[in-house]
Amino acid sequence: MTKIGVYPGSFDPVTFGHLDIIKRALKIFDKVIVAVAHNTDKSPLFDVTERVKLLKRSLKGIKRVEIDDFDGLVVEYVKRKKAYVVIRGLRMISDFEYEFQMALTNRKLSSSIETIFMMPSESYSYLSSKLIKEAASLGASLKGFVPHLVEKAIKKKWDL
């Protein structure tokens, strides 16, 4: 049986912290599906197609990773993909309460789906997509935070 983990998120934009979680997950799973959410509650910098493209380019050459997008309940998406595990990254303790509530809600919606929490390397534990966008909007270099191609895409988007 192939062990498949699904790593859902907005990935707006993808950071080195996200990529670290994906690489760590590949040590546990035979395949990792990175699922970009169509989140209508947020106002993303990049549309879903752009986020998928940036992820594919950022993960070029990494085997056993599939990049996809989804709309709706993550547990339903996970079932459609014939997976049973949702992967969630925890950066700081402040992430835990929200992620714990989400995991319990998902368990209530589908008891066959498990959630695992993974921590990125310490050097990425403070990174968030929101922080990256804020720093970029103020003209900061994003070297060490996101792949160069993502930094270029952000600057192009904002004409920086």
C-alpha atoms as a PDB file:
ATOM      1  CA  MET A   1       0.000   0.000   0.000  1.00  0.00           C
ATOM      2  CA  THR A   2       1.351   3.420  -0.969  1.00  0.00           C
ATOM      3  CA  LYS A   3       1.471   5.856   1.952  1.00  0.00           C
ATOM      4  CA  ILE A   4       0.174   9.202   0.727  1.00  0.00           C
ATOM      5  CA  GLY A   5       0.201  12.387   2.771  1.00  0.00           C
ATOM      6  CA  VAL A   6      -1.651  15.536   1.734  1.00  0.00           C
ATOM      7  CA  TYR A   7      -0.150  18.898   2.664  1.00  0.00           C
ATOM      8  CA  PRO A   8      -2.912  21.485   2.169  1.00  0.00           C
ATOM      9  CA  GLY A   9      -2.484  25.220   2.409  1.00  0.00           C
ATOM     10  CA  SER A  10      -2.701  28.535   0.644  1.00  0.00           C
ATOM     11  CA  PHE A  11       1.042  28.724  -0.142  1.00  0.00           C
ATOM     12  CA  ASP A  12       0.718  32.442  -0.901  1.00  0.00           C
ATOM     13  CA  PRO A  13       3.630  32.531  -1.445  1.00  0.00           C
ATOM     14  CA  VAL A  14       5.526  29.297  -0.950  1.00  0.00           C
ATOM     15  CA  THR A  15       8.402  29.755   1.524  1.00  0.00           C
ATOM     16  CA  PHE A  16      11.484  27.760   2.412  1.00  0.00           C
ATOM     17  CA  GLY A  17       9.526  26.647   5.509  1.00  0.00           C
ATOM     18  CA  HIS A  18       6.874  25.035   3.283  1.00  0.00           C
ATOM     19  CA  LEU A  19       9.548  23.355   1.172  1.00  0.00           C
ATOM     20  CA  ASP A  20      11.264  22.077   4.318  1.00  0.00           C
ATOM     21  CA  ILE A  21       8.023  20.466   5.544  1.00  0.00           C
ATOM     22  CA  ILE A  22       7.510  18.816   2.131  1.00  0.00           C
ATOM     23  CA  LYS A  23      11.032  17.359   2.129  1.00  0.00           C
ATOM     24  CA  ARG A  24      10.619  16.117   5.705  1.00  0.00           C
ATOM     25  CA  ALA A  25       7.260  14.545   4.826  1.00  0.00           C
ATOM     26  CA  LEU A  26       8.919  12.611   1.999  1.00  0.00           C
ATOM     27  CA  LYS A  27      10.913  10.750   4.662  1.00  0.00           C
ATOM     28  CA  ILE A  28       7.606   9.417   6.038  1.00  0.00           C
ATOM     29  CA  PHE A  29       5.365   9.082   2.983  1.00  0.00           C
ATOM     30  CA  ASP A  30       5.811   7.380  -0.373  1.00  0.00           C
ATOM     31  CA  LYS A  31       4.077  10.353  -1.988  1.00  0.00           C
ATOM     32  CA  VAL A  32       3.209  13.858  -0.815  1.00  0.00           C
ATOM     33  CA  ILE A  33       0.419  15.786  -2.468  1.00  0.00           C
ATOM     34  CA  VAL A  34       0.770  19.527  -1.989  1.00  0.00           C
ATOM     35  CA  ALA A  35      -2.797  20.804  -2.259  1.00  0.00           C
ATOM     36  CA  VAL A  36      -3.294  24.515  -2.903  1.00  0.00           C
ATOM     37  CA  ALA A  37      -6.565  25.698  -1.409  1.00  0.00           C
ATOM     38  CA  HIS A  38      -9.061  27.924  -3.206  1.00  0.00           C
ATOM     39  CA  ASN A  39      -9.575  30.032  -0.103  1.00  0.00           C
ATOM     40  CA  THR A  40     -12.240  32.657  -0.724  1.00  0.00           C
ATOM     41  CA  ASP A  41     -11.864  34.084   2.801  1.00  0.00           C
ATOM     42  CA  LYS A  42      -8.394  35.405   2.034  1.00  0.00           C
ATOM     43  CA  SER A  43      -7.250  37.928  -0.542  1.00  0.00           C
ATOM     44  CA  PRO A  44      -4.266  36.123  -2.028  1.00  0.00           C
ATOM     45  CA  LEU A  45      -1.403  37.885  -3.756  1.00  0.00           C
ATOM     46  CA  PHE A  46      -1.243  35.066  -6.321  1.00  0.00           C
ATOM     47  CA  ASP A  47      -4.199  33.251  -7.825  1.00  0.00           C
ATOM     48  CA  VAL A  48      -4.407  29.464  -7.524  1.00  0.00           C
ATOM     49  CA  THR A  49      -2.874  28.842 -10.951  1.00  0.00           C
ATOM     50  CA  GLU A  50       0.100  31.069 -10.107  1.00  0.00           C
ATOM     51  CA  ARG A  51       0.611  29.397  -6.719  1.00  0.00           C
ATOM     52  CA  VAL A  52       0.543  25.933  -8.302  1.00  0.00           C
ATOM     53  CA  LYS A  53       3.062  27.064 -10.917  1.00  0.00           C
ATOM     54  CA  LEU A  54       5.394  28.578  -8.290  1.00  0.00           C
ATOM     55  CA  LEU A  55       5.247  25.371  -6.244  1.00  0.00           C
ATOM     56  CA  LYS A  56       5.974  23.202  -9.289  1.00  0.00           C
ATOM     57  CA  ARG A  57       8.950  25.356 -10.215  1.00  0.00           C
ATOM     58  CA  SER A  58      10.195  25.471  -6.601  1.00  0.00           C
ATOM     59  CA  LEU A  59       9.987  21.666  -6.309  1.00  0.00           C
ATOM     60  CA  LYS A  60      11.402  20.863  -9.738  1.00  0.00           C
ATOM     61  CA  GLY A  61      13.506  17.712  -9.542  1.00  0.00           C
ATOM     62  CA  ILE A  62      11.944  16.534  -6.261  1.00  0.00           C
ATOM     63  CA  LYS A  63      10.398  13.151  -6.907  1.00  0.00           C
ATOM     64  CA  ARG A  64       7.255  11.702  -5.299  1.00  0.00           C
ATOM     65  CA  VAL A  65       5.586  15.114  -4.965  1.00  0.00           C
ATOM     66  CA  GLU A  66       2.350  16.011  -6.725  1.00  0.00           C
ATOM     67  CA  ILE A  67       1.103  19.602  -6.841  1.00  0.00           C
ATOM     68  CA  ASP A  68      -2.655  20.034  -7.104  1.00  0.00           C
ATOM     69  CA  ASP A  69      -5.380  22.458  -6.101  1.00  0.00           C
ATOM     70  CA  PHE A  70      -8.694  21.882  -4.404  1.00  0.00           C
ATOM     71  CA  ASP A  71     -11.866  23.593  -3.313  1.00  0.00           C
ATOM     72  CA  GLY A  72     -14.076  22.493  -0.449  1.00  0.00           C
ATOM     73  CA  LEU A  73     -13.397  20.321   2.563  1.00  0.00           C
ATOM     74  CA  VAL A  74      -9.859  19.042   2.891  1.00  0.00           C
ATOM     75  CA  VAL A  75     -11.081  15.672   4.248  1.00  0.00           C
ATOM     76  CA  GLU A  76     -13.151  15.095   1.111  1.00  0.00           C
ATOM     77  CA  TYR A  77     -10.161  15.979  -1.056  1.00  0.00           C
ATOM     78  CA  VAL A  78      -7.931  13.605   0.935  1.00  0.00           C
ATOM     79  CA  LYS A  79     -10.442  10.770   0.427  1.00  0.00           C
ATOM     80  CA  ARG A  80     -10.635  11.464  -3.330  1.00  0.00           C
ATOM     81  CA  LYS A  81      -6.849  11.153  -3.474  1.00  0.00           C
ATOM     82  CA  LYS A  82      -7.028   7.803  -1.650  1.00  0.00           C
ATOM     83  CA  ALA A  83      -4.923   9.195   1.179  1.00  0.00           C
ATOM     84  CA  TYR A  84      -5.543   9.097   4.909  1.00  0.00           C
ATOM     85  CA  VAL A  85      -3.199  11.699   6.384  1.00  0.00           C
ATOM     86  CA  VAL A  86      -3.274  15.501   6.427  1.00  0.00           C
ATOM     87  CA  ILE A  87       0.120  17.108   7.010  1.00  0.00           C
ATOM     88  CA  ARG A  88       0.177  20.425   8.856  1.00  0.00           C
ATOM     89  CA  GLY A  89       3.176  22.549   9.683  1.00  0.00           C
ATOM     90  CA  LEU A  90       3.611  24.098  13.110  1.00  0.00           C
ATOM     91  CA  ARG A  91       6.007  27.006  13.323  1.00  0.00           C
ATOM     92  CA  MET A  92       5.386  28.370  16.784  1.00  0.00           C
ATOM     93  CA  ILE A  93       3.238  27.415  19.741  1.00  0.00           C
ATOM     94  CA  SER A  94       0.794  30.113  18.618  1.00  0.00           C
ATOM     95  CA  ASP A  95      -0.064  27.944  15.571  1.00  0.00           C
ATOM     96  CA  PHE A  96      -1.031  25.002  17.741  1.00  0.00           C
ATOM     97  CA  GLU A  97      -4.441  26.130  19.000  1.00  0.00           C
ATOM     98  CA  TYR A  98      -5.830  26.834  15.521  1.00  0.00           C
ATOM     99  CA  GLU A  99      -4.292  23.692  14.024  1.00  0.00           C
ATOM    100  CA  PHE A 100      -5.538  21.552  16.911  1.00  0.00           C
ATOM    101  CA  GLN A 101      -9.098  22.840  16.425  1.00  0.00           C
ATOM    102  CA  MET A 102      -8.845  22.165  12.687  1.00  0.00           C
ATOM    103  CA  ALA A 103      -7.539  18.633  13.251  1.00  0.00           C
ATOM    104  CA  LEU A 104     -10.330  17.814  15.698  1.00  0.00           C
ATOM    105  CA  THR A 105     -12.949  19.239  13.339  1.00  0.00           C
ATOM    106  CA  ASN A 106     -11.545  17.195  10.453  1.00  0.00           C
ATOM    107  CA  ARG A 107     -11.568  14.082  12.649  1.00  0.00           C
ATOM    108  CA  LYS A 108     -15.222  14.713  13.461  1.00  0.00           C
ATOM    109  CA  LEU A 109     -16.003  15.148   9.755  1.00  0.00           C
ATOM    110  CA  SER A 110     -14.107  11.990   8.822  1.00  0.00           C
ATOM    111  CA  SER A 111     -12.742   9.638  11.452  1.00  0.00           C
ATOM    112  CA  SER A 112     -10.679   7.793   8.817  1.00  0.00           C
ATOM    113  CA  ILE A 113      -8.443  10.823   8.200  1.00  0.00           C
ATOM    114  CA  GLU A 114      -5.525  11.493  10.554  1.00  0.00           C
ATOM    115  CA  THR A 115      -3.584  14.733  10.964  1.00  0.00           C
ATOM    116  CA  ILE A 116       0.120  14.886  11.684  1.00  0.00           C
ATOM    117  CA  PHE A 117       1.953  18.018  12.740  1.00  0.00           C
ATOM    118  CA  MET A 118       5.447  18.653  11.491  1.00  0.00           C
ATOM    119  CA  MET A 119       7.888  21.336  12.523  1.00  0.00           C
ATOM    120  CA  PRO A 120      10.200  22.978  10.032  1.00  0.00           C
ATOM    121  CA  SER A 121      13.899  23.433  10.695  1.00  0.00           C
ATOM    122  CA  GLU A 122      14.586  26.011  13.363  1.00  0.00           C
ATOM    123  CA  SER A 123      15.922  28.389  10.728  1.00  0.00           C
ATOM    124  CA  TYR A 124      12.455  28.537   9.128  1.00  0.00           C
ATOM    125  CA  SER A 125      10.274  28.366  12.235  1.00  0.00           C
ATOM    126  CA  TYR A 126       9.451  32.078  12.200  1.00  0.00           C
ATOM    127  CA  LEU A 127       8.546  32.297   8.495  1.00  0.00           C
ATOM    128  CA  SER A 128       5.009  32.974   7.412  1.00  0.00           C
ATOM    129  CA  SER A 129       3.635  33.911   4.020  1.00  0.00           C
ATOM    130  CA  LYS A 130       2.034  36.989   5.592  1.00  0.00           C
ATOM    131  CA  LEU A 131       5.381  38.151   6.988  1.00  0.00           C
ATOM    132  CA  ILE A 132       7.062  37.560   3.632  1.00  0.00           C
ATOM    133  CA  LYS A 133       4.462  39.662   1.811  1.00  0.00           C
ATOM    134  CA  GLU A 134       4.768  42.452   4.358  1.00  0.00           C
ATOM    135  CA  ALA A 135       8.572  42.509   4.133  1.00  0.00           C
ATOM    136  CA  ALA A 136       8.449  42.471   0.331  1.00  0.00           C
ATOM    137  CA  SER A 137       5.949  45.327   0.229  1.00  0.00           C
ATOM    138  CA  LEU A 138       8.453  47.407   2.222  1.00  0.00           C
ATOM    139  CA  GLY A 139      11.255  46.607  -0.239  1.00  0.00           C
ATOM    140  CA  ALA A 140      13.134  43.990   1.820  1.00  0.00           C
ATOM    141  CA  SER A 141      15.246  41.339   0.183  1.00  0.00           C
ATOM    142  CA  LEU A 142      13.604  37.932   0.469  1.00  0.00           C
ATOM    143  CA  LYS A 143      16.843  35.980   0.076  1.00  0.00           C
ATOM    144  CA  GLY A 144      16.834  33.108   2.545  1.00  0.00           C
ATOM    145  CA  PHE A 145      13.052  33.237   2.938  1.00  0.00           C
ATOM    146  CA  VAL A 146      11.711  32.118  -0.446  1.00  0.00           C
ATOM    147  CA  PRO A 147      13.195  30.668  -3.633  1.00  0.00           C
ATOM    148  CA  HIS A 148      14.609  33.343  -5.956  1.00  0.00           C
ATOM    149  CA  LEU A 149      11.889  32.647  -8.534  1.00  0.00           C
ATOM    150  CA  VAL A 150       9.226  33.393  -5.893  1.00  0.00           C
ATOM    151  CA  GLU A 151      10.929  36.643  -4.903  1.00  0.00           C
ATOM    152  CA  LYS A 152      11.006  37.669  -8.562  1.00  0.00           C
ATOM    153  CA  ALA A 153       7.305  36.817  -8.938  1.00  0.00           C
ATOM    154  CA  ILE A 154       6.398  38.886  -5.874  1.00  0.00           C
ATOM    155  CA  LYS A 155       8.394  41.885  -7.078  1.00  0.00           C
ATOM    156  CA  LYS A 156       6.868  41.610 -10.532  1.00  0.00           C
ATOM    157  CA  LYS A 157       3.380  41.399  -9.048  1.00  0.00           C
ATOM    158  CA  TRP A 158       3.948  44.600  -7.078  1.00  0.00           C
ATOM    159  CA  ASP A 159       6.156  46.341  -9.666  1.00  0.00           C
ATOM    160  CA  LEU A 160       9.022  46.559  -7.151  1.00  0.00           C
END
